[in-house]
Amino acid sequence: MDAAIMLIMAVYAVIGGLSTLYLLFSMPAVFAWKCYRKAKYHIALSN
C-alpha cells in the first residue's frame, strides 16, 4: 500500500514538473513571437 502511494506521488510529481517546464518555455516564446510580429508587420501585441 505504501509503495503504491509513493508511486502515485512520483507520477504526479513528474506530470507537474513537465507542465511547469512547458509553461516556462512557451510563455517567453509566445511573447517573443508577438514582439517579432509587432516589429515586422506592425500588428498590435494583443492580437
N, C-alpha and C. Protein backbone atom coordinates (compact mmCIF):
# COMPACT_ATOMS: atom_id res chain seq x y z
N MET A 1 0.83 -1.19 0.00
CA MET A 1 0.00 0.00 0.00
C MET A 1 0.87 1.25 0.00
N ASP A 2 1.89 1.26 0.84
CA ASP A 2 2.75 2.43 0.94
C ASP A 2 3.55 2.65 -0.35
N ALA A 3 3.98 1.57 -0.98
CA ALA A 3 4.73 1.68 -2.23
C ALA A 3 3.84 2.21 -3.35
N ALA A 4 2.58 1.83 -3.36
CA ALA A 4 1.65 2.32 -4.38
C ALA A 4 1.43 3.81 -4.23
N ILE A 5 1.31 4.27 -3.02
CA ILE A 5 1.13 5.70 -2.77
C ILE A 5 2.37 6.48 -3.20
N MET A 6 3.53 5.96 -2.92
CA MET A 6 4.77 6.63 -3.34
C MET A 6 4.88 6.66 -4.86
N LEU A 7 4.46 5.60 -5.53
CA LEU A 7 4.49 5.56 -6.99
C LEU A 7 3.52 6.60 -7.58
N ILE A 8 2.34 6.68 -7.02
CA ILE A 8 1.37 7.68 -7.48
C ILE A 8 1.91 9.09 -7.26
N MET A 9 2.53 9.33 -6.12
CA MET A 9 3.11 10.66 -5.85
C MET A 9 4.22 10.97 -6.84
N ALA A 10 5.04 10.00 -7.18
CA ALA A 10 6.12 10.22 -8.14
C ALA A 10 5.57 10.54 -9.52
N VAL A 11 4.53 9.85 -9.92
CA VAL A 11 3.91 10.10 -11.23
C VAL A 11 3.35 11.52 -11.27
N TYR A 12 2.65 11.93 -10.23
CA TYR A 12 2.10 13.28 -10.19
C TYR A 12 3.20 14.34 -10.13
N ALA A 13 4.30 14.05 -9.49
CA ALA A 13 5.43 14.99 -9.46
C ALA A 13 6.01 15.18 -10.85
N VAL A 14 6.14 14.09 -11.61
CA VAL A 14 6.65 14.18 -12.98
C VAL A 14 5.68 14.97 -13.85
N ILE A 15 4.39 14.69 -13.73
CA ILE A 15 3.39 15.42 -14.52
C ILE A 15 3.43 16.91 -14.19
N GLY A 16 3.51 17.25 -12.93
CA GLY A 16 3.59 18.65 -12.53
C GLY A 16 4.86 19.32 -13.02
N GLY A 17 5.95 18.61 -12.97
CA GLY A 17 7.22 19.17 -13.45
C GLY A 17 7.21 19.41 -14.94
N LEU A 18 6.63 18.49 -15.70
CA LEU A 18 6.58 18.66 -17.16
C LEU A 18 5.68 19.83 -17.55
N SER A 19 4.54 19.97 -16.89
CA SER A 19 3.67 21.10 -17.22
C SER A 19 4.31 22.42 -16.83
N THR A 20 5.06 22.45 -15.75
CA THR A 20 5.77 23.66 -15.36
C THR A 20 6.85 24.02 -16.37
N LEU A 21 7.59 23.03 -16.84
CA LEU A 21 8.62 23.29 -17.86
C LEU A 21 8.00 23.78 -19.16
N TYR A 22 6.85 23.23 -19.53
CA TYR A 22 6.16 23.68 -20.74
C TYR A 22 5.80 25.16 -20.62
N LEU A 23 5.23 25.55 -19.51
CA LEU A 23 4.88 26.96 -19.32
C LEU A 23 6.11 27.84 -19.25
N LEU A 24 7.16 27.35 -18.65
CA LEU A 24 8.39 28.13 -18.51
C LEU A 24 8.97 28.48 -19.87
N PHE A 25 8.89 27.57 -20.83
CA PHE A 25 9.47 27.83 -22.14
C PHE A 25 8.47 28.40 -23.15
N SER A 26 7.19 28.09 -23.01
CA SER A 26 6.23 28.54 -24.02
C SER A 26 5.84 30.00 -23.85
N MET A 27 5.72 30.49 -22.62
CA MET A 27 5.31 31.88 -22.43
C MET A 27 6.32 32.87 -23.00
N PRO A 28 7.61 32.75 -22.73
CA PRO A 28 8.56 33.67 -23.38
C PRO A 28 8.59 33.50 -24.89
N ALA A 29 8.37 32.30 -25.40
CA ALA A 29 8.36 32.08 -26.85
C ALA A 29 7.19 32.81 -27.49
N VAL A 30 6.03 32.76 -26.87
CA VAL A 30 4.86 33.47 -27.40
C VAL A 30 5.10 34.98 -27.36
N PHE A 31 5.66 35.47 -26.27
CA PHE A 31 5.94 36.90 -26.15
C PHE A 31 6.96 37.33 -27.21
N ALA A 32 7.98 36.54 -27.44
CA ALA A 32 8.97 36.88 -28.46
C ALA A 32 8.34 36.86 -29.85
N TRP A 33 7.46 35.90 -30.11
CA TRP A 33 6.78 35.85 -31.40
C TRP A 33 5.90 37.07 -31.61
N LYS A 34 5.20 37.51 -30.55
CA LYS A 34 4.36 38.71 -30.66
C LYS A 34 5.21 39.95 -30.90
N CYS A 35 6.36 40.05 -30.25
CA CYS A 35 7.25 41.19 -30.47
C CYS A 35 7.81 41.18 -31.89
N TYR A 36 8.12 40.00 -32.41
CA TYR A 36 8.60 39.88 -33.79
C TYR A 36 7.53 40.35 -34.77
N ARG A 37 6.30 39.91 -34.56
CA ARG A 37 5.20 40.33 -35.45
C ARG A 37 4.96 41.82 -35.35
N LYS A 38 5.10 42.38 -34.13
CA LYS A 38 4.91 43.81 -33.95
C LYS A 38 5.98 44.58 -34.73
N ALA A 39 7.21 44.12 -34.68
CA ALA A 39 8.30 44.83 -35.35
C ALA A 39 8.22 44.66 -36.87
N LYS A 40 7.86 43.48 -37.35
CA LYS A 40 7.90 43.24 -38.78
C LYS A 40 6.61 43.69 -39.50
N TYR A 41 5.46 43.38 -38.91
CA TYR A 41 4.20 43.62 -39.60
C TYR A 41 3.37 44.74 -38.97
N HIS A 42 3.83 45.34 -37.88
CA HIS A 42 3.13 46.42 -37.17
C HIS A 42 1.74 45.96 -36.70
N ILE A 43 1.70 44.74 -36.17
CA ILE A 43 0.47 44.19 -35.62
C ILE A 43 0.47 44.44 -34.11
N ALA A 44 -0.70 44.76 -33.55
CA ALA A 44 -0.78 45.02 -32.11
C ALA A 44 -0.38 43.77 -31.31
N LEU A 45 0.18 43.97 -30.14
CA LEU A 45 0.61 42.84 -29.30
C LEU A 45 -0.57 42.05 -28.77
N SER A 46 -1.74 42.64 -28.69
CA SER A 46 -2.89 41.95 -28.13
C SER A 46 -3.54 40.97 -29.11
N ASN A 47 -3.17 41.00 -30.36
CA ASN A 47 -3.76 40.09 -31.36
C ASN A 47 -3.05 38.78 -31.38
